[in-house]
């Protein structure tokens, strides 16, 4: 199957599928956090605070991580790394939560399902611009991206250090694993799981530990079939090393927060309903 990127021009501005899905991802993440805040009878505006902080910190962190690996200018439409975005978003959301006087572990608990949903929808955007694809495959669902970023040609994949069939002309377009769609399916499942577990009886923040474990496993496994140029540890990539770190942090969190601790979320400052006081 041959797939081309989704782009179109609107009043002189180029619109891409990635940009559309990024907007959808942030809106969907904000919406599910609003649902949970409403269930808890807390101020639903706090979801917008999280989204704004996450957008600013996430984009900056994703770009800085990419620059650390590949160089380039800070202001660029391309070159974003998810783990950099995740860490940058965490820092920004922690700062916002502290400023709003909202307990940080409640903020992380609230954001866990939304993070999985937003990430999954964002990967749809990666597919629509043919970025973050996998290694060559002969499986029936393999996809060719002749205008991908970069195209899935023998020359481009070889430049990345990806093993390609011998004897093919450099401009041959190869079918590759649509790893973006693999991640969409995995992340939507993680969202479903976290949404089902949000009424758990453990301490507040336990759900974020589950999220870290789930995304750590998901990303570690998907990296085996992704076309990457940062396999710094033999067969393992930098993303896999980061995945292991997040997995360990998640395991520590669910152990630490496994029992109820009497923690209650008080409707103060950023969580206070509009009609409070």
Protein backbone atom coordinates (compact mmCIF):
# COMPACT_ATOMS: atom_id res chain seq x y z
CA UNK A 1 0.00 0.00 0.00
CA UNK A 2 1.31 3.44 -0.94
CA UNK A 3 0.29 6.36 1.29
CA UNK A 4 0.84 10.08 0.80
CA UNK A 5 0.88 12.81 3.46
CA UNK A 6 -2.24 14.82 4.27
CA UNK A 7 -1.53 18.49 3.55
CA UNK A 8 -3.62 21.30 2.11
CA UNK A 9 -3.53 25.05 1.73
CA UNK A 10 -5.97 27.29 3.59
CA UNK A 11 -5.80 31.02 2.83
CA UNK A 12 -2.10 30.72 2.04
CA UNK A 13 -1.30 28.69 5.17
CA UNK A 14 -0.13 25.10 4.84
CA UNK A 15 -2.21 22.77 7.04
CA UNK A 16 -0.87 19.31 7.80
CA UNK A 17 -2.48 16.22 9.23
CA UNK A 18 0.00 16.38 12.08
CA UNK A 19 -1.07 19.89 13.05
CA UNK A 20 -4.75 18.92 12.92
CA UNK A 21 -4.25 15.85 15.09
CA UNK A 22 -2.11 17.74 17.59
CA UNK A 23 -5.01 20.13 18.09
CA UNK A 24 -7.46 17.24 18.38
CA UNK A 25 -5.16 15.48 20.86
CA UNK A 26 -4.95 18.49 23.19
CA UNK A 27 -8.71 19.10 23.02
CA UNK A 28 -9.49 15.44 23.72
CA UNK A 29 -7.05 15.33 26.65
CA UNK A 30 -8.60 18.45 28.13
CA UNK A 31 -12.09 17.01 27.68
CA UNK A 32 -11.43 13.75 29.56
CA UNK A 33 -9.80 15.68 32.43
CA UNK A 34 -12.88 17.90 32.56
CA UNK A 35 -15.06 14.81 32.87
CA UNK A 36 -13.05 13.56 35.84
CA UNK A 37 -13.00 16.96 37.54
CA UNK A 38 -16.75 17.25 37.08
CA UNK A 39 -17.20 13.81 38.63
CA UNK A 40 -15.19 14.96 41.64
CA UNK A 41 -17.15 18.28 41.82
CA UNK A 42 -13.98 20.32 41.26
CA UNK A 43 -13.21 23.26 39.00
CA UNK A 44 -13.13 22.00 35.41
CA UNK A 45 -11.00 24.99 34.33
CA UNK A 46 -8.00 23.26 35.87
CA UNK A 47 -7.93 20.94 32.84
CA UNK A 48 -7.21 23.93 30.61
CA UNK A 49 -4.36 24.97 32.91
CA UNK A 50 -2.80 21.52 32.51
CA UNK A 51 -3.23 21.55 28.73
CA UNK A 52 -1.65 25.01 28.31
CA UNK A 53 1.32 24.12 30.52
CA UNK A 54 1.69 20.77 28.78
CA UNK A 55 1.64 22.33 25.31
CA UNK A 56 4.28 24.93 26.12
CA UNK A 57 6.57 22.64 28.09
CA UNK A 58 5.98 19.68 25.78
CA UNK A 59 6.85 21.46 22.54
CA UNK A 60 9.89 23.13 24.09
CA UNK A 61 11.12 19.88 25.64
CA UNK A 62 10.54 17.90 22.44
CA UNK A 63 12.52 20.42 20.42
CA UNK A 64 15.39 20.66 22.93
CA UNK A 65 15.70 16.84 23.06
CA UNK A 66 15.85 16.73 19.26
CA UNK A 67 18.46 19.49 19.20
CA UNK A 68 20.58 17.61 21.75
CA UNK A 69 20.59 14.57 19.45
CA UNK A 70 20.74 16.18 16.01
CA UNK A 71 21.43 19.90 16.40
CA UNK A 72 19.54 22.57 14.46
CA UNK A 73 17.73 25.80 15.38
CA UNK A 74 15.30 26.06 18.29
CA UNK A 75 12.49 27.45 16.13
CA UNK A 76 11.56 24.85 13.53
CA UNK A 77 8.38 23.13 12.35
CA UNK A 78 10.06 19.73 12.37
CA UNK A 79 12.22 17.72 14.72
CA UNK A 80 10.21 16.82 17.83
CA UNK A 81 11.02 13.88 20.12
CA UNK A 82 8.19 12.48 22.24
CA UNK A 83 10.22 11.65 25.33
CA UNK A 84 11.64 15.18 25.35
CA UNK A 85 8.10 16.50 25.06
CA UNK A 86 6.95 14.27 27.90
CA UNK A 87 9.71 15.41 30.25
CA UNK A 88 9.29 19.07 29.27
CA UNK A 89 5.55 18.80 29.80
CA UNK A 90 6.05 17.20 33.22
CA UNK A 91 8.29 20.06 34.34
CA UNK A 92 5.83 22.69 33.10
CA UNK A 93 2.80 20.96 34.66
CA UNK A 94 4.61 20.54 37.99
CA UNK A 95 5.38 24.26 38.02
CA UNK A 96 1.80 25.18 37.15
CA UNK A 97 0.41 22.79 39.78
CA UNK A 98 2.68 24.30 42.45
CA UNK A 99 1.64 27.81 41.42
CA UNK A 100 -2.05 26.87 41.62
CA UNK A 101 -1.47 25.16 45.00
CA UNK A 102 -2.84 21.88 43.67
CA UNK A 103 -1.19 18.69 45.04
CA UNK A 104 1.18 17.46 42.37
CA UNK A 105 0.29 13.80 42.71
CA UNK A 106 -3.38 14.65 42.21
CA UNK A 107 -2.46 16.52 39.02
CA UNK A 108 -0.55 13.49 37.74
CA UNK A 109 -3.41 11.17 38.71
CA UNK A 110 -5.84 13.36 36.79
CA UNK A 111 -3.60 13.63 33.74
CA UNK A 112 -2.67 9.95 33.34
CA UNK A 113 -5.59 8.79 31.13
CA UNK A 114 -5.52 12.07 29.20
CA UNK A 115 -1.82 11.66 28.43
CA UNK A 116 -2.41 8.22 26.90
CA UNK A 117 -5.36 9.46 24.84
CA UNK A 118 -3.55 12.57 23.60
CA UNK A 119 -0.43 10.60 22.74
CA UNK A 120 -2.46 8.06 20.77
CA UNK A 121 -4.25 10.74 18.76
CA UNK A 122 -0.95 12.50 18.18
CA UNK A 123 0.45 9.33 16.61
CA UNK A 124 -2.36 9.51 14.07
CA UNK A 125 -0.82 12.84 13.09
CA UNK A 126 2.58 11.18 12.70
CA UNK A 127 0.98 8.68 10.32
CA UNK A 128 -0.69 11.44 8.32
CA UNK A 129 2.70 13.08 7.66
CA UNK A 130 4.52 9.72 7.35
CA UNK A 131 6.95 10.28 10.20
CA UNK A 132 8.18 7.81 12.85
CA UNK A 133 7.61 4.73 10.70
CA UNK A 134 9.23 1.32 11.02
CA UNK A 135 11.76 -0.92 9.33
CA UNK A 136 11.09 -2.64 5.98
CA UNK A 137 8.60 -5.49 6.04
CA UNK A 138 6.98 -7.96 3.66
CA UNK A 139 3.82 -8.24 5.78
CA UNK A 140 0.54 -7.52 3.95
CA UNK A 141 -0.08 -4.32 5.91
CA UNK A 142 3.33 -2.84 5.15
CA UNK A 143 3.07 0.72 3.76
CA UNK A 144 5.18 2.74 1.34
CA UNK A 145 5.74 6.43 2.07
CA UNK A 146 7.29 7.97 -1.07
CA UNK A 147 6.87 11.47 0.41
CA UNK A 148 7.56 10.54 4.03
CA UNK A 149 9.86 12.35 6.43
CA UNK A 150 12.14 11.04 5.01
CA UNK A 151 10.75 8.88 2.16
CA UNK A 152 10.99 5.13 2.70
CA UNK A 153 13.55 4.72 -0.08
CA UNK A 154 16.55 2.42 -0.03
CA UNK A 155 18.86 5.44 0.08
CA UNK A 156 17.09 7.18 2.98
CA UNK A 157 16.74 4.04 5.09
CA UNK A 158 20.34 3.03 4.45
CA UNK A 159 21.46 6.48 5.58
CA UNK A 160 19.68 5.80 8.88
CA UNK A 161 21.56 2.52 9.23
CA UNK A 162 18.45 0.43 8.57
CA UNK A 163 19.09 -2.95 6.95
CA UNK A 164 17.54 -3.05 3.46
CA UNK A 165 17.35 -5.77 0.78
CA UNK A 166 20.57 -5.95 -1.24
CA UNK A 167 20.79 -5.06 -4.90
CA UNK A 168 17.91 -2.56 -5.08
CA UNK A 169 18.27 0.87 -6.74
CA UNK A 170 18.65 3.73 -4.21
CA UNK A 171 15.33 5.33 -5.23
CA UNK A 172 13.28 2.16 -4.66
CA UNK A 173 10.41 2.86 -2.25
CA UNK A 174 10.13 0.08 0.33
CA UNK A 175 7.14 -1.03 2.39
CA UNK A 176 7.71 -0.50 6.12
CA UNK A 177 5.95 -1.25 9.38
CA UNK A 178 3.30 1.45 10.07
CA UNK A 179 4.53 1.74 13.64
CA UNK A 180 2.50 4.92 14.11
CA UNK A 181 -0.68 2.84 13.81
CA UNK A 182 0.71 0.15 16.11
CA UNK A 183 1.19 2.86 18.73
CA UNK A 184 -2.27 4.30 18.14
CA UNK A 185 -3.83 0.92 18.96
CA UNK A 186 -1.59 0.34 21.99
CA UNK A 187 -2.08 3.84 23.44
CA UNK A 188 -5.85 3.79 23.02
CA UNK A 189 -5.88 0.48 24.89
CA UNK A 190 -3.76 2.05 27.64
CA UNK A 191 -6.22 4.95 27.81
CA UNK A 192 -9.13 2.53 28.14
CA UNK A 193 -7.33 0.65 30.92
CA UNK A 194 -6.46 3.80 32.86
CA UNK A 195 -9.97 5.17 32.47
CA UNK A 196 -11.38 1.94 33.92
CA UNK A 197 -8.89 2.09 36.82
CA UNK A 198 -9.45 5.73 37.76
CA UNK A 199 -11.76 4.76 40.66
CA UNK A 200 -9.05 2.57 42.22
CA UNK A 201 -8.74 2.26 45.98
CA UNK A 202 -5.02 3.02 46.20
CA UNK A 203 -3.38 6.28 47.22
CA UNK A 204 -3.74 9.32 44.95
CA UNK A 205 -1.03 9.22 42.30
CA UNK A 206 -1.03 5.41 41.95
CA UNK A 207 -2.67 5.67 38.53
CA UNK A 208 0.23 7.72 37.19
CA UNK A 209 2.56 4.89 38.16
CA UNK A 210 0.44 2.50 36.09
CA UNK A 211 0.65 4.94 33.18
CA UNK A 212 4.46 5.07 33.37
CA UNK A 213 4.70 1.29 33.39
CA UNK A 214 2.33 0.95 30.43
CA UNK A 215 4.00 3.52 28.20
CA UNK A 216 7.43 2.24 29.15
CA UNK A 217 6.53 -1.26 27.99
CA UNK A 218 4.74 0.01 24.87
CA UNK A 219 7.61 2.18 23.67
CA UNK A 220 10.31 -0.37 24.55
CA UNK A 221 8.61 -3.00 22.38
CA UNK A 222 7.73 -0.74 19.45
CA UNK A 223 11.34 0.41 19.14
CA UNK A 224 12.38 -3.04 17.88
CA UNK A 225 10.53 -2.43 14.60
CA UNK A 226 11.03 1.33 14.26
CA UNK A 227 13.51 2.81 11.81
CA UNK A 228 15.87 4.66 14.12
CA UNK A 229 19.28 6.25 13.96
CA UNK A 230 20.02 6.38 17.69
CA UNK A 231 20.79 2.77 18.58
CA UNK A 232 23.44 3.84 21.03
CA UNK A 233 23.43 0.66 23.12
CA UNK A 234 23.87 -2.08 20.55
CA UNK A 235 20.38 -3.29 19.64
CA UNK A 236 18.77 -0.83 22.04
CA UNK A 237 17.82 2.78 21.34
CA UNK A 238 17.93 5.85 23.53
CA UNK A 239 14.13 5.67 23.72
CA UNK A 240 14.36 2.13 25.09
CA UNK A 241 16.79 3.25 27.78
CA UNK A 242 14.34 6.02 28.70
CA UNK A 243 11.49 3.50 28.67
CA UNK A 244 13.28 1.34 31.22
CA UNK A 245 13.81 4.38 33.46
CA UNK A 246 10.10 5.29 33.30
CA UNK A 247 9.14 1.67 33.96
CA UNK A 248 11.26 1.61 37.11
CA UNK A 249 9.81 4.91 38.30
CA UNK A 250 6.31 3.57 37.67
CA UNK A 251 7.00 0.39 39.64
CA UNK A 252 8.32 2.47 42.54
CA UNK A 253 5.21 4.67 42.48
CA UNK A 254 2.69 1.84 42.53
CA UNK A 255 4.60 0.21 45.39
CA UNK A 256 4.83 3.46 47.37
CA UNK A 257 1.18 4.38 46.76
CA UNK A 258 -0.31 0.89 46.90
CA UNK A 259 -2.31 1.48 50.11
CA UNK A 260 -4.87 4.23 50.82
CA UNK A 261 -3.25 6.98 52.88
CA UNK A 262 -6.18 9.20 53.77
CA UNK A 263 -5.14 11.81 51.22
CA UNK A 264 -8.05 14.03 50.24
CA UNK A 265 -8.26 16.60 47.48
CA UNK A 266 -9.49 19.87 48.92
CA UNK A 267 -11.20 22.35 46.55
CA UNK A 268 -8.68 25.15 47.08
CA UNK A 269 -7.19 27.63 44.63
CA UNK A 270 -6.95 25.97 41.20
CA UNK A 271 -9.48 23.28 42.11
CA UNK A 272 -12.07 25.47 43.80
CA UNK A 273 -15.45 25.44 42.02
CA UNK A 274 -16.54 28.81 40.66
CA UNK A 275 -19.38 29.00 43.14
CA UNK A 276 -17.19 28.13 46.16
CA UNK A 277 -16.89 30.73 48.92
